[in-house]
Amino acid sequence: MSYNRVAAVTGANKGIGLAIVRNLALQYPKSPYHDGPFLIYLTARDQNRGEQALQSLHSDSELKRAKVLAQDGGDATIRYHQLDISDTGSITAFADYLKKEHPEGIDFVINNAGIAMQGFDNNVVKETLHCNYYGTLTATQAFLPLLKSNGRLVNVSSMSGKLNKYTPALRDRFLSAAATSPAAVTSLMEAFETAVAAGNEKEHGWPSAAYAVSKAGVTAMTKAVALEEKKRGRGVLVNACCPGYVKTDMTRGGGSKTVDEGARTPVMLALEDVGGVTGQFWQNEKVIEW
């Protein structure tokens, strides 16, 4: 069967990622992109967990009531596909698969996968950046060329990556890197790693917080990628967003928003008319200051 619209969501077996898949299916019928059969790839590292997540959606009472899934006569089909964004080989394999299956291109990519580790040391910084920053960057660069004209790419970042916790000098370096290239942002992440290894990140104006810095990197990189993409003139919109403080495993049960509320902005940036805005940082369905 051929699909008129195709989406891929990373880190989608639980929490916000799973809610994003669910809400893509629910919101699609009302979207300006609504145009016949819609295939959503629910991706996750672990096959078992990914397939369990898929089963949960197939029996989801709200999806059943709304009759949005193909099995109930709707337009949306959800499929599991393995993807580990901290493994470049896994990203390449999925990109190759998408290219082969959908030679005409795909419509939406939501990069949601990420980790939040406890504590702060050299190892935590390395692992966090490896997944959250480098993994998201590699996924972005692998999937962006597969997007059709007027497609959308959304990177899930965080308020913890806002620039108000940095010295003015570092803040300027972030803004300058975001306006230059993804490579300029990567060299900032390398500078952070070097400072942590030397034990002097505080003197260099960095917070001792791996997750926060990785997400500042994601927002900066998204802005830089959006600038490059704009020059190609394909109408592809590239944005970063914060889902808000959501009650998930990642916040260890903290959080004031439900996962569906957390999914609202990423899903809006994929499916709704956002007035051609690209390269911005969003929260609560609006552009906010980074």
C-alpha atoms as a PDB file:
ATOM      1  CA  MET A   1       0.000   0.000   0.000  1.00  0.00           C
ATOM      2  CA  SER A   2       1.267   3.493  -0.701  1.00  0.00           C
ATOM      3  CA  TYR A   3       1.118   6.289   1.849  1.00  0.00           C
ATOM      4  CA  ASN A   4       0.574   9.955   1.014  1.00  0.00           C
ATOM      5  CA  ARG A   5       2.226  11.105   4.249  1.00  0.00           C
ATOM      6  CA  VAL A   6       5.034   9.528   6.261  1.00  0.00           C
ATOM      7  CA  ALA A   7       6.383  10.488   9.711  1.00  0.00           C
ATOM      8  CA  ALA A   8       9.196   9.150  11.891  1.00  0.00           C
ATOM      9  CA  VAL A   9       9.438   9.703  15.647  1.00  0.00           C
ATOM     10  CA  THR A  10      12.603   8.780  17.589  1.00  0.00           C
ATOM     11  CA  GLY A  11      12.612   7.533  21.180  1.00  0.00           C
ATOM     12  CA  ALA A  12       8.924   6.684  20.891  1.00  0.00           C
ATOM     13  CA  ASN A  13       8.358   3.605  23.060  1.00  0.00           C
ATOM     14  CA  LYS A  14       7.279   5.593  26.150  1.00  0.00           C
ATOM     15  CA  GLY A  15       6.715   9.025  27.654  1.00  0.00           C
ATOM     16  CA  ILE A  16       6.575  12.042  25.361  1.00  0.00           C
ATOM     17  CA  GLY A  17       7.727  10.081  22.281  1.00  0.00           C
ATOM     18  CA  LEU A  18       4.844   7.611  22.549  1.00  0.00           C
ATOM     19  CA  ALA A  19       2.414  10.495  23.156  1.00  0.00           C
ATOM     20  CA  ILE A  20       3.754  12.246  20.034  1.00  0.00           C
ATOM     21  CA  VAL A  21       2.977   9.170  17.898  1.00  0.00           C
ATOM     22  CA  ARG A  22      -0.489   8.904  19.441  1.00  0.00           C
ATOM     23  CA  ASN A  23      -1.251  12.581  18.878  1.00  0.00           C
ATOM     24  CA  LEU A  24       0.049  12.588  15.302  1.00  0.00           C
ATOM     25  CA  ALA A  25      -2.577   9.918  14.572  1.00  0.00           C
ATOM     26  CA  LEU A  26      -5.276  11.888  16.439  1.00  0.00           C
ATOM     27  CA  GLN A  27      -4.471  15.334  14.965  1.00  0.00           C
ATOM     28  CA  TYR A  28      -3.766  14.300  11.366  1.00  0.00           C
ATOM     29  CA  PRO A  29      -7.419  14.316  10.186  1.00  0.00           C
ATOM     30  CA  LYS A  30      -7.695  18.029  11.178  1.00  0.00           C
ATOM     31  CA  SER A  31      -4.266  18.984   9.787  1.00  0.00           C
ATOM     32  CA  PRO A  32      -3.688  21.065   6.622  1.00  0.00           C
ATOM     33  CA  TYR A  33      -1.380  18.171   5.648  1.00  0.00           C
ATOM     34  CA  HIS A  34      -4.300  15.709   5.713  1.00  0.00           C
ATOM     35  CA  ASP A  35      -4.077  13.951   2.371  1.00  0.00           C
ATOM     36  CA  GLY A  36      -4.983  10.262   2.489  1.00  0.00           C
ATOM     37  CA  PRO A  37      -3.114   7.347   4.119  1.00  0.00           C
ATOM     38  CA  PHE A  38      -0.556   8.288   6.795  1.00  0.00           C
ATOM     39  CA  LEU A  39       2.277   6.015   7.976  1.00  0.00           C
ATOM     40  CA  ILE A  40       3.964   6.768  11.319  1.00  0.00           C
ATOM     41  CA  TYR A  41       7.201   5.023  12.294  1.00  0.00           C
ATOM     42  CA  LEU A  42       7.408   4.520  16.044  1.00  0.00           C
ATOM     43  CA  THR A  43      11.138   3.988  16.588  1.00  0.00           C
ATOM     44  CA  ALA A  44      12.931   2.759  19.698  1.00  0.00           C
ATOM     45  CA  ARG A  45      16.239   1.130  20.636  1.00  0.00           C
ATOM     46  CA  ASP A  46      14.677  -1.978  22.103  1.00  0.00           C
ATOM     47  CA  GLN A  47      12.492  -4.124  19.852  1.00  0.00           C
ATOM     48  CA  ASN A  48      10.542  -5.669  22.712  1.00  0.00           C
ATOM     49  CA  ARG A  49       9.658  -2.300  24.234  1.00  0.00           C
ATOM     50  CA  GLY A  50       8.918  -0.816  20.816  1.00  0.00           C
ATOM     51  CA  GLU A  51       6.514  -3.611  19.935  1.00  0.00           C
ATOM     52  CA  GLN A  52       4.810  -3.380  23.340  1.00  0.00           C
ATOM     53  CA  ALA A  53       4.329   0.355  22.746  1.00  0.00           C
ATOM     54  CA  LEU A  54       2.801  -0.416  19.351  1.00  0.00           C
ATOM     55  CA  GLN A  55       0.369  -2.886  20.940  1.00  0.00           C
ATOM     56  CA  SER A  56      -0.649  -0.277  23.520  1.00  0.00           C
ATOM     57  CA  LEU A  57      -1.584   2.134  20.712  1.00  0.00           C
ATOM     58  CA  HIS A  58      -3.516  -0.516  18.799  1.00  0.00           C
ATOM     59  CA  SER A  59      -5.709  -1.026  21.853  1.00  0.00           C
ATOM     60  CA  ASP A  60      -5.781   2.650  22.946  1.00  0.00           C
ATOM     61  CA  SER A  61      -9.404   3.555  23.770  1.00  0.00           C
ATOM     62  CA  GLU A  62      -9.148   7.162  22.571  1.00  0.00           C
ATOM     63  CA  LEU A  63      -7.649   6.118  19.216  1.00  0.00           C
ATOM     64  CA  LYS A  64     -10.412   3.501  18.908  1.00  0.00           C
ATOM     65  CA  ARG A  65     -13.137   6.036  19.666  1.00  0.00           C
ATOM     66  CA  ALA A  66     -11.713   8.533  17.180  1.00  0.00           C
ATOM     67  CA  LYS A  67     -11.398   5.754  14.522  1.00  0.00           C
ATOM     68  CA  VAL A  68      -8.106   7.240  13.271  1.00  0.00           C
ATOM     69  CA  LEU A  69      -6.149   3.985  12.834  1.00  0.00           C
ATOM     70  CA  ALA A  70      -6.366   2.008   9.577  1.00  0.00           C
ATOM     71  CA  GLN A  71      -7.624  -1.049  11.480  1.00  0.00           C
ATOM     72  CA  ASP A  72     -10.675   1.026  12.508  1.00  0.00           C
ATOM     73  CA  GLY A  73     -11.210   2.580   9.071  1.00  0.00           C
ATOM     74  CA  GLY A  74      -8.977   5.646   9.600  1.00  0.00           C
ATOM     75  CA  ASP A  75      -5.944   6.945   7.704  1.00  0.00           C
ATOM     76  CA  ALA A  76      -3.108   6.247  10.169  1.00  0.00           C
ATOM     77  CA  THR A  77      -0.922   3.150  10.230  1.00  0.00           C
ATOM     78  CA  ILE A  78       1.730   2.897  12.971  1.00  0.00           C
ATOM     79  CA  ARG A  79       4.765   0.652  12.514  1.00  0.00           C
ATOM     80  CA  TYR A  80       7.688  -0.111  14.806  1.00  0.00           C
ATOM     81  CA  HIS A  81      11.236   0.250  13.475  1.00  0.00           C
ATOM     82  CA  GLN A  82      14.468  -0.216  15.430  1.00  0.00           C
ATOM     83  CA  LEU A  83      16.542   2.937  15.892  1.00  0.00           C
ATOM     84  CA  ASP A  84      19.213   3.809  18.448  1.00  0.00           C
ATOM     85  CA  ILE A  85      20.315   7.411  17.924  1.00  0.00           C
ATOM     86  CA  SER A  86      23.506   6.850  19.923  1.00  0.00           C
ATOM     87  CA  ASP A  87      24.594   4.356  17.215  1.00  0.00           C
ATOM     88  CA  THR A  88      25.515   5.954  13.865  1.00  0.00           C
ATOM     89  CA  GLY A  89      25.142   2.594  12.093  1.00  0.00           C
ATOM     90  CA  SER A  90      21.564   2.310  13.348  1.00  0.00           C
ATOM     91  CA  ILE A  91      20.743   5.841  12.087  1.00  0.00           C
ATOM     92  CA  THR A  92      22.252   5.084   8.662  1.00  0.00           C
ATOM     93  CA  ALA A  93      20.357   1.782   8.432  1.00  0.00           C
ATOM     94  CA  PHE A  94      17.027   3.483   9.177  1.00  0.00           C
ATOM     95  CA  ALA A  95      17.736   6.347   6.738  1.00  0.00           C
ATOM     96  CA  ASP A  96      18.595   3.789   4.012  1.00  0.00           C
ATOM     97  CA  TYR A  97      15.400   1.877   4.782  1.00  0.00           C
ATOM     98  CA  LEU A  98      13.288   5.053   4.507  1.00  0.00           C
ATOM     99  CA  LYS A  99      14.974   5.982   1.215  1.00  0.00           C
ATOM    100  CA  LYS A 100      14.227   2.546  -0.222  1.00  0.00           C
ATOM    101  CA  GLU A 101      10.640   2.319   1.083  1.00  0.00           C
ATOM    102  CA  HIS A 102       9.702   5.946   0.333  1.00  0.00           C
ATOM    103  CA  PRO A 103      11.738   7.097  -2.690  1.00  0.00           C
ATOM    104  CA  GLU A 104       9.390  10.087  -3.100  1.00  0.00           C
ATOM    105  CA  GLY A 105      10.425  11.286   0.386  1.00  0.00           C
ATOM    106  CA  ILE A 106       8.920  11.569   3.851  1.00  0.00           C
ATOM    107  CA  ASP A 107       7.007  14.441   5.446  1.00  0.00           C
ATOM    108  CA  PHE A 108       7.785  14.757   9.157  1.00  0.00           C
ATOM    109  CA  VAL A 109      10.637  13.846  11.492  1.00  0.00           C
ATOM    110  CA  ILE A 110      10.407  14.420  15.240  1.00  0.00           C
ATOM    111  CA  ASN A 111      13.709  13.764  17.010  1.00  0.00           C
ATOM    112  CA  ASN A 112      12.593  13.087  20.558  1.00  0.00           C
ATOM    113  CA  ALA A 113      15.113  10.445  21.729  1.00  0.00           C
ATOM    114  CA  GLY A 114      17.413  11.444  24.579  1.00  0.00           C
ATOM    115  CA  ILE A 115      18.755  10.454  27.978  1.00  0.00           C
ATOM    116  CA  ALA A 116      18.939  12.137  31.390  1.00  0.00           C
ATOM    117  CA  MET A 117      21.597  10.603  33.650  1.00  0.00           C
ATOM    118  CA  GLN A 118      22.017  11.212  37.373  1.00  0.00           C
ATOM    119  CA  GLY A 119      25.173  12.868  38.678  1.00  0.00           C
ATOM    120  CA  PHE A 120      27.947  14.801  36.967  1.00  0.00           C
ATOM    121  CA  ASP A 121      31.367  13.572  35.910  1.00  0.00           C
ATOM    122  CA  ASN A 122      33.439  13.028  32.799  1.00  0.00           C
ATOM    123  CA  ASN A 123      31.608   9.834  31.887  1.00  0.00           C
ATOM    124  CA  VAL A 124      28.097  11.309  32.386  1.00  0.00           C
ATOM    125  CA  VAL A 125      29.065  14.262  30.163  1.00  0.00           C
ATOM    126  CA  LYS A 126      30.482  12.001  27.433  1.00  0.00           C
ATOM    127  CA  GLU A 127      27.457   9.676  27.373  1.00  0.00           C
ATOM    128  CA  THR A 128      24.898  12.474  27.579  1.00  0.00           C
ATOM    129  CA  LEU A 129      26.469  14.488  24.759  1.00  0.00           C
ATOM    130  CA  HIS A 130      27.009  11.337  22.686  1.00  0.00           C
ATOM    131  CA  CYS A 131      23.280  10.575  22.703  1.00  0.00           C
ATOM    132  CA  ASN A 132      21.496  13.912  23.150  1.00  0.00           C
ATOM    133  CA  TYR A 133      23.728  16.159  21.048  1.00  0.00           C
ATOM    134  CA  TYR A 134      25.742  14.027  18.619  1.00  0.00           C
ATOM    135  CA  GLY A 135      22.954  11.460  18.148  1.00  0.00           C
ATOM    136  CA  THR A 136      20.367  14.153  17.417  1.00  0.00           C
ATOM    137  CA  LEU A 137      22.783  15.957  15.078  1.00  0.00           C
ATOM    138  CA  THR A 138      23.564  12.755  13.137  1.00  0.00           C
ATOM    139  CA  ALA A 139      19.858  11.851  12.937  1.00  0.00           C
ATOM    140  CA  THR A 140      18.997  15.390  11.773  1.00  0.00           C
ATOM    141  CA  GLN A 141      21.645  15.302   9.044  1.00  0.00           C
ATOM    142  CA  ALA A 142      20.625  11.796   7.936  1.00  0.00           C
ATOM    143  CA  PHE A 143      16.869  12.443   7.776  1.00  0.00           C
ATOM    144  CA  LEU A 144      16.769  16.037   6.506  1.00  0.00           C
ATOM    145  CA  PRO A 145      17.655  15.138   2.871  1.00  0.00           C
ATOM    146  CA  LEU A 146      14.811  12.576   2.894  1.00  0.00           C
ATOM    147  CA  LEU A 147      12.173  15.237   3.605  1.00  0.00           C
ATOM    148  CA  LYS A 148       9.910  16.337   0.777  1.00  0.00           C
ATOM    149  CA  SER A 149       9.643  20.033  -0.083  1.00  0.00           C
ATOM    150  CA  ASN A 150       7.586  21.722   2.670  1.00  0.00           C
ATOM    151  CA  GLY A 151       8.394  18.878   5.089  1.00  0.00           C
ATOM    152  CA  ARG A 152       9.021  19.469   8.788  1.00  0.00           C
ATOM    153  CA  LEU A 153      11.818  18.510  11.156  1.00  0.00           C
ATOM    154  CA  VAL A 154      11.350  19.042  14.897  1.00  0.00           C
ATOM    155  CA  ASN A 155      14.054  18.535  17.523  1.00  0.00           C
ATOM    156  CA  VAL A 156      12.798  18.113  21.076  1.00  0.00           C
ATOM    157  CA  SER A 157      15.064  20.249  23.262  1.00  0.00           C
ATOM    158  CA  SER A 158      14.490  21.650  26.750  1.00  0.00           C
ATOM    159  CA  MET A 159      14.099  24.817  28.801  1.00  0.00           C
ATOM    160  CA  SER A 160      17.119  23.570  30.724  1.00  0.00           C
ATOM    161  CA  GLY A 161      19.104  24.497  27.596  1.00  0.00           C
ATOM    162  CA  LYS A 162      18.139  28.180  27.785  1.00  0.00           C
ATOM    163  CA  LEU A 163      21.056  30.622  27.658  1.00  0.00           C
ATOM    164  CA  ASN A 164      20.225  32.530  30.846  1.00  0.00           C
ATOM    165  CA  LYS A 165      22.458  30.229  32.921  1.00  0.00           C
ATOM    166  CA  TYR A 166      25.651  31.150  31.026  1.00  0.00           C
ATOM    167  CA  THR A 167      28.120  34.009  31.292  1.00  0.00           C
ATOM    168  CA  PRO A 168      27.579  36.787  28.708  1.00  0.00           C
ATOM    169  CA  ALA A 169      30.739  35.632  26.884  1.00  0.00           C
ATOM    170  CA  LEU A 170      29.514  32.028  26.564  1.00  0.00           C
ATOM    171  CA  ARG A 171      26.025  33.171  25.655  1.00  0.00           C
ATOM    172  CA  ASP A 172      27.523  35.197  22.784  1.00  0.00           C
ATOM    173  CA  ARG A 173      29.504  32.149  21.650  1.00  0.00           C
ATOM    174  CA  PHE A 174      26.309  30.074  21.571  1.00  0.00           C
ATOM    175  CA  LEU A 175      24.401  32.732  19.601  1.00  0.00           C
ATOM    176  CA  SER A 176      27.285  33.151  17.191  1.00  0.00           C
ATOM    177  CA  ALA A 177      27.654  29.360  16.661  1.00  0.00           C
ATOM    178  CA  ALA A 178      23.880  29.007  16.088  1.00  0.00           C
ATOM    179  CA  ALA A 179      24.118  31.672  13.387  1.00  0.00           C
ATOM    180  CA  THR A 180      27.177  30.044  11.767  1.00  0.00           C
ATOM    181  CA  SER A 181      27.022  26.259  11.286  1.00  0.00           C
ATOM    182  CA  PRO A 182      26.408  22.958  13.079  1.00  0.00           C
ATOM    183  CA  ALA A 183      30.222  22.486  13.117  1.00  0.00           C
ATOM    184  CA  ALA A 184      30.582  25.713  15.139  1.00  0.00           C
ATOM    185  CA  VAL A 185      28.075  24.357  17.675  1.00  0.00           C
ATOM    186  CA  THR A 186      29.948  21.040  17.829  1.00  0.00           C
ATOM    187  CA  SER A 187      33.172  22.858  18.710  1.00  0.00           C
ATOM    188  CA  LEU A 188      31.348  24.488  21.646  1.00  0.00           C
ATOM    189  CA  MET A 189      30.259  21.037  22.877  1.00  0.00           C
ATOM    190  CA  GLU A 190      33.886  19.891  22.546  1.00  0.00           C
ATOM    191  CA  ALA A 191      35.022  22.920  24.578  1.00  0.00           C
ATOM    192  CA  PHE A 192      32.588  21.922  27.353  1.00  0.00           C
ATOM    193  CA  GLU A 193      33.861  18.324  27.314  1.00  0.00           C
ATOM    194  CA  THR A 194      37.479  19.518  27.493  1.00  0.00           C
ATOM    195  CA  ALA A 195      36.712  21.854  30.397  1.00  0.00           C
ATOM    196  CA  VAL A 196      34.946  19.052  32.315  1.00  0.00           C
ATOM    197  CA  ALA A 197      37.871  16.683  31.716  1.00  0.00           C
ATOM    198  CA  ALA A 198      40.214  19.352  33.111  1.00  0.00           C
ATOM    199  CA  GLY A 199      37.832  19.992  36.040  1.00  0.00           C
ATOM    200  CA  ASN A 200      37.569  23.713  35.288  1.00  0.00           C
ATOM    201  CA  GLU A 201      34.180  24.026  33.562  1.00  0.00           C
ATOM    202  CA  LYS A 202      32.959  26.487  36.252  1.00  0.00           C
ATOM    203  CA  GLU A 203      35.865  28.871  35.605  1.00  0.00           C
ATOM    204  CA  HIS A 204      34.996  28.805  31.905  1.00  0.00           C
ATOM    205  CA  GLY A 205      31.395  29.780  32.672  1.00  0.00           C
ATOM    206  CA  TRP A 206      29.793  26.351  32.117  1.00  0.00           C
ATOM    207  CA  PRO A 207      27.197  24.896  34.482  1.00  0.00           C
ATOM    208  CA  SER A 208      28.088  21.476  35.925  1.00  0.00           C
ATOM    209  CA  ALA A 209      25.065  19.986  34.177  1.00  0.00           C
ATOM    210  CA  ALA A 210      25.470  17.566  31.282  1.00  0.00           C
ATOM    211  CA  TYR A 211      21.802  17.397  30.251  1.00  0.00           C
ATOM    212  CA  ALA A 212      21.338  21.189  30.243  1.00  0.00           C
ATOM    213  CA  VAL A 213      24.437  21.770  28.086  1.00  0.00           C
ATOM    214  CA  SER A 214      23.487  18.956  25.692  1.00  0.00           C
ATOM    215  CA  LYS A 215      20.075  20.579  25.180  1.00  0.00           C
ATOM    216  CA  ALA A 216      21.594  24.054  24.672  1.00  0.00           C
ATOM    217  CA  GLY A 217      23.642  22.331  21.964  1.00  0.00           C
ATOM    218  CA  VAL A 218      20.509  20.806  20.417  1.00  0.00           C
ATOM    219  CA  THR A 219      18.747  24.199  20.222  1.00  0.00           C
ATOM    220  CA  ALA A 220      21.851  25.902  18.783  1.00  0.00           C
ATOM    221  CA  MET A 221      22.430  23.110  16.257  1.00  0.00           C
ATOM    222  CA  THR A 222      18.756  23.182  15.188  1.00  0.00           C
ATOM    223  CA  LYS A 223      19.013  26.924  14.512  1.00  0.00           C
ATOM    224  CA  ALA A 224      22.208  26.425  12.478  1.00  0.00           C
ATOM    225  CA  VAL A 225      20.660  23.563  10.471  1.00  0.00           C
ATOM    226  CA  ALA A 226      17.521  25.656   9.820  1.00  0.00           C
ATOM    227  CA  LEU A 227      19.670  28.454   8.352  1.00  0.00           C
ATOM    228  CA  GLU A 228      21.448  26.019   6.022  1.00  0.00           C
ATOM    229  CA  GLU A 229      18.151  24.404   5.021  1.00  0.00           C
ATOM    230  CA  LYS A 230      16.509  27.784   4.320  1.00  0.00           C
ATOM    231  CA  LYS A 231      19.195  28.513   1.711  1.00  0.00           C
ATOM    232  CA  ARG A 232      18.146  25.369  -0.168  1.00  0.00           C
ATOM    233  CA  GLY A 233      14.744  26.959  -0.757  1.00  0.00           C
ATOM    234  CA  ARG A 234      12.729  23.757  -0.310  1.00  0.00           C
ATOM    235  CA  GLY A 235      10.282  25.204   2.203  1.00  0.00           C
ATOM    236  CA  VAL A 236      11.340  22.689   4.867  1.00  0.00           C
ATOM    237  CA  LEU A 237      10.746  24.049   8.383  1.00  0.00           C
ATOM    238  CA  VAL A 238      13.256  23.089  11.110  1.00  0.00           C
ATOM    239  CA  ASN A 239      12.414  24.014  14.711  1.00  0.00           C
ATOM    240  CA  ALA A 240      13.363  23.093  18.284  1.00  0.00           C
ATOM    241  CA  CYS A 241      10.916  22.979  21.170  1.00  0.00           C
ATOM    242  CA  CYS A 242      10.584  22.305  24.868  1.00  0.00           C
ATOM    243  CA  PRO A 243       7.683  19.998  25.733  1.00  0.00           C
ATOM    244  CA  GLY A 244       7.544  21.518  29.223  1.00  0.00           C
ATOM    245  CA  TYR A 245       7.992  19.874  32.604  1.00  0.00           C
ATOM    246  CA  VAL A 246       6.259  16.577  31.918  1.00  0.00           C
ATOM    247  CA  LYS A 247       5.551  13.708  34.279  1.00  0.00           C
ATOM    248  CA  THR A 248       7.712  10.912  32.768  1.00  0.00           C
ATOM    249  CA  ASP A 249      10.444   8.448  33.764  1.00  0.00           C
ATOM    250  CA  MET A 250      12.929  11.139  32.743  1.00  0.00           C
ATOM    251  CA  THR A 251      11.667  13.611  35.353  1.00  0.00           C
ATOM    252  CA  ARG A 252      11.370  10.693  37.804  1.00  0.00           C
ATOM    253  CA  GLY A 253       7.663  11.336  38.340  1.00  0.00           C
ATOM    254  CA  GLY A 254       8.090  15.098  38.797  1.00  0.00           C
ATOM    255  CA  GLY A 255       6.459  17.373  36.269  1.00  0.00           C
ATOM    256  CA  SER A 256       3.212  19.296  36.020  1.00  0.00           C
ATOM    257  CA  LYS A 257       2.172  18.335  32.472  1.00  0.00           C
ATOM    258  CA  THR A 258       0.736  15.079  31.174  1.00  0.00           C
ATOM    259  CA  VAL A 259       2.575  13.370  28.299  1.00  0.00           C
ATOM    260  CA  ASP A 260      -0.226  14.414  25.923  1.00  0.00           C
ATOM    261  CA  GLU A 261       0.234  18.059  26.964  1.00  0.00           C
ATOM    262  CA  GLY A 262       3.986  17.621  26.445  1.00  0.00           C
ATOM    263  CA  ALA A 263       3.375  16.258  22.940  1.00  0.00           C
ATOM    264  CA  ARG A 264       1.269  19.259  21.922  1.00  0.00           C
ATOM    265  CA  THR A 265       4.031  21.620  20.711  1.00  0.00           C
ATOM    266  CA  PRO A 266       6.118  18.993  18.819  1.00  0.00           C
ATOM    267  CA  VAL A 267       2.957  17.706  17.080  1.00  0.00           C
ATOM    268  CA  MET A 268       1.837  21.258  16.243  1.00  0.00           C
ATOM    269  CA  LEU A 269       5.260  21.992  14.696  1.00  0.00           C
ATOM    270  CA  ALA A 270       4.868  18.930  12.476  1.00  0.00           C
ATOM    271  CA  LEU A 271       1.217  19.084  11.444  1.00  0.00           C
ATOM    272  CA  GLU A 272      -0.114  22.621  11.779  1.00  0.00           C
ATOM    273  CA  ASP A 273       0.277  25.882   9.902  1.00  0.00           C
ATOM    274  CA  VAL A 274       2.990  27.764  11.798  1.00  0.00           C
ATOM    275  CA  GLY A 275       3.237  30.621   9.319  1.00  0.00           C
ATOM    276  CA  GLY A 276       6.484  29.441   7.732  1.00  0.00           C
ATOM    277  CA  VAL A 277       8.467  29.993  10.952  1.00  0.00           C
ATOM    278  CA  THR A 278      11.770  28.106  10.998  1.00  0.00           C
ATOM    279  CA  GLY A 279      14.899  28.057  13.182  1.00  0.00           C
ATOM    280  CA  GLN A 280      13.063  29.000  16.377  1.00  0.00           C
ATOM    281  CA  PHE A 281      12.736  27.626  19.905  1.00  0.00           C
ATOM    282  CA  TRP A 282       9.122  26.981  20.967  1.00  0.00           C
ATOM    283  CA  GLN A 283       7.249  26.190  24.151  1.00  0.00           C
ATOM    284  CA  ASN A 284       3.503  26.096  24.916  1.00  0.00           C
ATOM    285  CA  GLU A 285       2.760  26.409  21.174  1.00  0.00           C
ATOM    286  CA  LYS A 286       4.633  29.692  20.771  1.00  0.00           C
ATOM    287  CA  VAL A 287       8.109  30.986  19.976  1.00  0.00           C
ATOM    288  CA  ILE A 288      10.039  31.852  23.123  1.00  0.00           C
ATOM    289  CA  GLU A 289      13.390  33.455  23.795  1.00  0.00           C
ATOM    290  CA  TRP A 290      16.241  30.973  23.843  1.00  0.00           C
END
